[in-house]
Amino acid sequence: MQRRNFFSTMSLLALGAAEANAFGFGSIESKFINFFATEEAQNMDMPKSKPSKKSEKLTKETKSLSKLQIPVQEKSKVVLSGDEFALLKSLHARLKRVRYICGYGHFNLVGIDEMNKIARNYSKVGSFTKAELDMIERLFYEEASEYGFYGEKVLTNITDNINKKEITKVPRTGHYLFRGKPEQMYHQIRSELGDSVILTSGVRSIIKQLYLFTNKAVKTNGDLSLASHSLAPIGYSYHGIGDFDVGKVGFGMRNFTDAFSKTEEYKKLIDSGYVKIRYPQGNPYGVRFEPWHIKVV
């Protein structure tokens, strides 16, 4: 279904839904790590000294970014406020209720059609309003470079779904992997590093990424630029086509911080030679260092 026709249909459905329903639905607290990555502040008044190896490396990266015509010193600043921020919070809250209804594991696979079906059929969720659907459309189709994110858009149609024949569920994780190279690479990692390494995030549908991104954006008081620094915007996540995250068993939410890069598991991953990190330090995409994000495709 084309973008315009799809949202015209959804808007009609949303307008016909009763919004005065008192949900009486308990808040489901999500367990997400603080995404504020530690960054080195640049002091422009520092006296000049002999360039270090690190500064030489940064100079090379700066030149590389220049070739890509990507601004190095300044990023776009997109912040939702007022009614737009209130709408963002409303959208995220409804997505959270959808997640509760379908379950954490299955929510990784939910497409936009199923999302709307669940919302219409469960009074504790309630149909998405026209304004909420319009915001979903905006967040998906808006150029992420406006936020300061310069990665590739890998899913270009908002109605794209995960083909369940192409994925497999990984026991005791609640997550899925695409069959083929992603599954093979994960089993190879586990075979070589042992049971101390575990899948922490695998296949993500467009709706799962939408949920995660709106979660970040709410936590930053509507700052979409800051949210995109630590999470790919909707449609730009390689989790939708093959990448996955790994962590150390028992390490909890520290697996999604720089602390993971200090573990023996991470060192072994890098020493393996065949494992690459999607967003290394100094990457040109506007994304923080993600030592846990395995590059597959």
Protein backbone atom coordinates (compact mmCIF):
# COMPACT_ATOMS: atom_id res chain seq x y z
CA MET A 1 0.00 0.00 0.00
CA GLN A 2 1.37 3.43 -0.91
CA ARG A 3 2.28 5.89 1.82
CA ARG A 4 -0.49 8.42 1.11
CA ASN A 5 -3.25 5.81 0.69
CA PHE A 6 -2.14 3.94 3.80
CA PHE A 7 -2.30 6.94 6.08
CA SER A 8 -5.55 8.18 4.56
CA THR A 9 -7.11 4.83 5.50
CA MET A 10 -5.57 4.89 8.97
CA SER A 11 -6.76 8.43 9.57
CA LEU A 12 -10.36 7.48 8.80
CA LEU A 13 -10.15 4.56 11.20
CA ALA A 14 -8.62 6.74 13.89
CA LEU A 15 -11.22 9.46 13.54
CA GLY A 16 -13.99 6.92 14.06
CA ALA A 17 -12.49 5.63 17.30
CA ALA A 18 -13.67 6.75 20.73
CA GLU A 19 -10.87 8.66 22.48
CA ALA A 20 -12.70 9.41 25.72
CA ASN A 21 -11.99 5.94 27.08
CA ALA A 22 -10.41 5.95 30.55
CA PHE A 23 -7.80 3.23 30.27
CA GLY A 24 -7.13 2.47 33.92
CA PHE A 25 -4.01 0.85 32.61
CA GLY A 26 -0.95 0.54 34.83
CA SER A 27 2.27 2.14 33.67
CA ILE A 28 4.70 -0.43 32.29
CA GLU A 29 8.17 0.83 33.09
CA SER A 30 10.70 -0.03 30.39
CA LYS A 31 14.24 -0.86 31.38
CA PHE A 32 16.39 1.19 29.09
CA ILE A 33 19.85 2.50 29.90
CA ASN A 34 20.70 6.15 30.09
CA PHE A 35 21.76 6.88 26.57
CA PHE A 36 23.87 9.90 27.36
CA ALA A 37 27.28 8.79 26.12
CA THR A 38 30.32 10.28 27.82
CA GLU A 39 32.01 12.67 25.41
CA GLU A 40 35.19 14.70 25.65
CA ALA A 41 34.57 18.44 25.78
CA GLN A 42 36.61 20.51 23.34
CA ASN A 43 38.38 23.53 24.87
CA MET A 44 39.08 26.01 22.09
CA ASP A 45 41.36 28.09 24.37
CA MET A 46 43.88 25.32 24.89
CA PRO A 47 47.47 26.30 23.96
CA LYS A 48 48.82 24.78 20.78
CA SER A 49 51.12 21.80 21.17
CA LYS A 50 52.63 19.09 19.03
CA PRO A 51 49.82 17.02 17.47
CA SER A 52 49.33 13.66 19.16
CA LYS A 53 48.58 10.43 17.36
CA LYS A 54 44.99 10.79 18.51
CA SER A 55 44.70 14.31 17.08
CA GLU A 56 46.26 13.16 13.83
CA LYS A 57 43.64 10.42 13.67
CA LEU A 58 40.87 12.95 14.31
CA THR A 59 42.29 15.16 11.55
CA LYS A 60 42.07 12.27 9.11
CA GLU A 61 38.49 11.59 10.21
CA THR A 62 37.65 15.27 9.78
CA LYS A 63 39.02 15.23 6.23
CA SER A 64 37.05 12.08 5.55
CA LEU A 65 33.86 13.71 6.83
CA SER A 66 34.60 16.76 4.68
CA LYS A 67 34.72 14.56 1.60
CA LEU A 68 31.29 13.24 2.55
CA GLN A 69 30.07 16.83 2.90
CA ILE A 70 29.01 16.14 6.47
CA PRO A 71 29.30 19.03 8.98
CA VAL A 72 31.82 18.12 11.66
CA GLN A 73 31.55 20.88 14.23
CA GLU A 74 27.85 21.64 14.02
CA LYS A 75 24.81 19.40 13.99
CA SER A 76 21.22 20.19 13.20
CA LYS A 77 19.10 20.71 16.27
CA VAL A 78 15.55 19.41 16.06
CA VAL A 79 13.54 19.64 19.26
CA LEU A 80 9.80 19.07 19.66
CA SER A 81 8.12 21.31 22.20
CA GLY A 82 4.68 22.37 23.31
CA ASP A 83 1.86 20.51 21.55
CA GLU A 84 4.31 18.51 19.42
CA PHE A 85 6.10 17.17 22.50
CA ALA A 86 2.77 16.35 24.14
CA LEU A 87 1.80 14.45 20.98
CA LEU A 88 5.12 12.58 21.01
CA LYS A 89 4.47 11.45 24.58
CA SER A 90 0.93 10.38 23.67
CA LEU A 91 2.23 8.36 20.72
CA HIS A 92 4.91 6.66 22.80
CA ALA A 93 2.45 5.81 25.58
CA ARG A 94 0.11 4.14 23.08
CA LEU A 95 3.00 2.19 21.56
CA LYS A 96 3.90 1.03 25.06
CA ARG A 97 0.38 -0.27 25.55
CA VAL A 98 0.58 -2.13 22.23
CA ARG A 99 3.83 -3.72 23.41
CA TYR A 100 2.17 -4.82 26.64
CA ILE A 101 -0.71 -6.47 24.78
CA CYS A 102 1.39 -8.41 22.25
CA GLY A 103 4.32 -9.22 24.58
CA TYR A 104 7.94 -8.07 24.62
CA GLY A 105 9.28 -10.78 22.34
CA HIS A 106 6.61 -10.61 19.65
CA PHE A 107 6.74 -6.81 19.70
CA ASN A 108 10.12 -7.06 17.92
CA LEU A 109 8.26 -8.28 14.83
CA VAL A 110 5.09 -6.16 14.83
CA GLY A 111 4.40 -4.21 11.63
CA ILE A 112 2.24 -1.12 11.28
CA ASP A 113 -0.86 -3.06 10.17
CA GLU A 114 -0.73 -5.32 13.21
CA MET A 115 -0.02 -2.32 15.44
CA ASN A 116 -3.21 -0.63 14.28
CA LYS A 117 -5.24 -3.84 14.55
CA ILE A 118 -4.18 -4.34 18.16
CA ALA A 119 -4.92 -0.70 18.97
CA ARG A 120 -8.43 -0.91 17.50
CA ASN A 121 -9.31 -4.23 19.13
CA TYR A 122 -8.13 -3.51 22.69
CA SER A 123 -9.85 -0.75 24.63
CA LYS A 124 -6.86 -0.45 26.95
CA VAL A 125 -4.80 0.65 23.95
CA GLY A 126 -7.28 2.68 21.92
CA SER A 127 -6.99 3.52 18.23
CA PHE A 128 -4.15 5.79 17.13
CA THR A 129 -5.40 9.31 16.47
CA LYS A 130 -4.93 11.06 13.14
CA ALA A 131 -2.34 13.33 14.75
CA GLU A 132 -0.41 10.32 16.10
CA LEU A 133 -0.46 8.62 12.70
CA ASP A 134 0.73 11.83 11.09
CA MET A 135 3.62 11.97 13.55
CA ILE A 136 4.56 8.35 12.75
CA GLU A 137 4.63 9.33 9.09
CA ARG A 138 6.77 12.37 9.81
CA LEU A 139 9.26 10.45 11.93
CA PHE A 140 9.62 7.76 9.27
CA TYR A 141 9.86 9.91 6.15
CA GLU A 142 11.74 12.93 7.47
CA GLU A 143 15.40 12.98 6.42
CA ALA A 144 17.47 11.87 9.42
CA SER A 145 20.26 14.23 8.36
CA GLU A 146 17.98 16.98 9.70
CA TYR A 147 18.69 15.51 13.15
CA GLY A 148 22.43 15.15 12.55
CA PHE A 149 22.25 11.43 11.71
CA TYR A 150 24.07 10.50 8.48
CA GLY A 151 23.56 6.76 8.20
CA GLU A 152 21.90 4.96 5.31
CA LYS A 153 18.16 4.41 5.23
CA VAL A 154 17.76 0.64 4.86
CA LEU A 155 13.95 0.34 5.12
CA THR A 156 12.20 2.79 2.80
CA ASN A 157 8.53 1.76 3.00
CA ILE A 158 6.64 2.29 6.24
CA THR A 159 4.50 -0.80 5.55
CA ASP A 160 7.53 -3.11 5.29
CA ASN A 161 7.09 -6.19 7.49
CA ILE A 162 9.43 -8.80 8.90
CA ASN A 163 9.08 -12.05 6.96
CA LYS A 164 8.67 -14.63 9.71
CA LYS A 165 9.96 -17.36 7.38
CA GLU A 166 13.32 -15.58 7.27
CA ILE A 167 13.90 -15.41 11.02
CA THR A 168 14.55 -17.74 13.92
CA LYS A 169 13.98 -17.26 17.64
CA VAL A 170 17.03 -17.50 19.89
CA PRO A 171 16.20 -19.49 23.05
CA ARG A 172 16.33 -17.76 26.44
CA THR A 173 16.78 -14.29 24.93
CA GLY A 174 13.33 -13.15 23.77
CA HIS A 175 14.94 -12.05 20.51
CA TYR A 176 15.13 -13.20 16.90
CA LEU A 177 17.83 -13.38 14.24
CA PHE A 178 17.60 -13.44 10.48
CA ARG A 179 18.50 -16.82 9.05
CA GLY A 180 21.69 -17.13 7.07
CA LYS A 181 24.71 -14.97 7.87
CA PRO A 182 23.35 -13.31 11.06
CA GLU A 183 22.40 -16.64 12.63
CA GLN A 184 25.67 -18.27 11.53
CA MET A 185 27.76 -15.39 12.89
CA TYR A 186 26.01 -15.44 16.24
CA HIS A 187 26.52 -19.18 16.66
CA GLN A 188 30.17 -18.80 15.65
CA ILE A 189 30.65 -16.10 18.29
CA ARG A 190 29.03 -18.27 20.94
CA SER A 191 31.06 -21.28 19.85
CA GLU A 192 34.36 -19.42 20.15
CA LEU A 193 33.66 -17.16 23.14
CA GLY A 194 31.42 -19.47 25.13
CA ASP A 195 28.23 -18.98 27.12
CA SER A 196 29.37 -15.69 28.64
CA VAL A 197 28.18 -13.92 25.48
CA ILE A 198 24.46 -13.52 24.82
CA LEU A 199 22.17 -11.92 22.23
CA THR A 200 20.78 -8.70 23.69
CA SER A 201 18.87 -7.40 20.64
CA GLY A 202 18.22 -8.94 17.25
CA VAL A 203 15.55 -8.41 14.63
CA ARG A 204 13.62 -5.15 15.00
CA SER A 205 10.59 -4.18 12.96
CA ILE A 206 9.85 -0.60 11.97
CA ILE A 207 7.39 -0.36 14.86
CA LYS A 208 9.92 -1.67 17.40
CA GLN A 209 12.43 0.94 16.21
CA LEU A 210 9.69 3.57 16.36
CA TYR A 211 9.02 2.62 19.97
CA LEU A 212 12.71 2.78 20.90
CA PHE A 213 13.25 6.09 19.14
CA THR A 214 10.21 7.76 20.69
CA ASN A 215 11.32 6.42 24.06
CA LYS A 216 14.69 8.14 23.63
CA ALA A 217 13.04 11.32 22.35
CA VAL A 218 10.70 11.51 25.33
CA LYS A 219 13.63 11.06 27.71
CA THR A 220 15.43 13.97 25.99
CA ASN A 221 12.38 16.23 26.33
CA GLY A 222 11.69 16.08 22.61
CA ASP A 223 15.27 16.47 21.38
CA LEU A 224 15.28 14.30 18.23
CA SER A 225 18.88 15.23 17.44
CA LEU A 226 20.13 13.99 20.80
CA ALA A 227 17.98 10.86 20.53
CA SER A 228 19.46 10.03 17.11
CA HIS A 229 22.96 10.31 18.58
CA SER A 230 22.38 7.09 20.48
CA LEU A 231 19.73 5.33 18.39
CA ALA A 232 19.12 5.11 14.66
CA PRO A 233 15.91 6.88 13.55
CA ILE A 234 13.06 4.79 12.14
CA GLY A 235 14.02 3.09 8.90
CA TYR A 236 17.75 3.59 9.46
CA SER A 237 18.40 0.68 11.82
CA TYR A 238 20.38 -2.26 10.44
CA HIS A 239 18.57 -4.40 12.99
CA GLY A 240 15.82 -4.41 10.39
CA ILE A 241 17.95 -6.31 7.86
CA GLY A 242 20.54 -8.33 9.77
CA ASP A 243 22.63 -6.65 12.49
CA PHE A 244 22.38 -7.68 16.13
CA ASP A 245 23.67 -6.73 19.58
CA VAL A 246 25.57 -8.92 21.99
CA GLY A 247 26.53 -8.53 25.62
CA LYS A 248 28.12 -10.18 28.60
CA VAL A 249 25.90 -12.47 30.64
CA GLY A 250 25.13 -10.89 34.01
CA PHE A 251 26.36 -7.45 32.90
CA GLY A 252 22.85 -6.03 32.71
CA MET A 253 22.26 -2.64 31.11
CA ARG A 254 25.99 -1.89 31.19
CA ASN A 255 26.09 -3.95 28.00
CA PHE A 256 24.70 -0.81 26.31
CA THR A 257 27.43 1.51 27.58
CA ASP A 258 31.14 2.00 26.96
CA ALA A 259 31.70 -0.37 29.90
CA PHE A 260 31.14 -3.30 27.53
CA SER A 261 34.25 -2.28 25.56
CA LYS A 262 36.32 -2.93 28.71
CA THR A 263 35.19 -6.56 29.03
CA GLU A 264 37.13 -9.64 27.98
CA GLU A 265 34.20 -10.61 25.79
CA TYR A 266 34.54 -7.45 23.73
CA LYS A 267 38.31 -7.84 23.41
CA LYS A 268 37.86 -11.38 22.16
CA LEU A 269 35.24 -10.21 19.66
CA ILE A 270 37.64 -7.68 18.18
CA ASP A 271 40.57 -10.10 18.23
CA SER A 272 38.51 -12.65 16.31
CA GLY A 273 39.16 -10.77 13.09
CA TYR A 274 35.78 -11.46 11.52
CA VAL A 275 33.61 -9.37 13.86
CA LYS A 276 33.16 -5.72 12.92
CA ILE A 277 31.41 -3.00 14.92
CA ARG A 278 28.71 -1.02 13.10
CA TYR A 279 29.40 2.26 14.91
CA PRO A 280 33.07 2.42 15.98
CA GLN A 281 34.65 5.40 17.71
CA GLY A 282 34.89 8.43 15.46
CA ASN A 283 32.34 7.08 12.97
CA PRO A 284 30.98 9.57 10.40
CA TYR A 285 27.30 8.82 11.04
CA GLY A 286 26.61 11.05 14.03
CA VAL A 287 26.20 8.03 16.30
CA ARG A 288 27.96 7.36 19.59
CA PHE A 289 30.39 4.47 19.95
CA GLU A 290 28.43 1.19 20.15
CA PRO A 291 30.85 -1.64 21.00
CA TRP A 292 27.93 -4.07 21.35
CA HIS A 293 26.47 -3.59 17.84
CA ILE A 294 27.70 -6.32 15.49
CA LYS A 295 27.90 -5.38 11.82
CA VAL A 296 26.56 -8.17 9.62
CA VAL A 297 25.35 -6.63 6.37
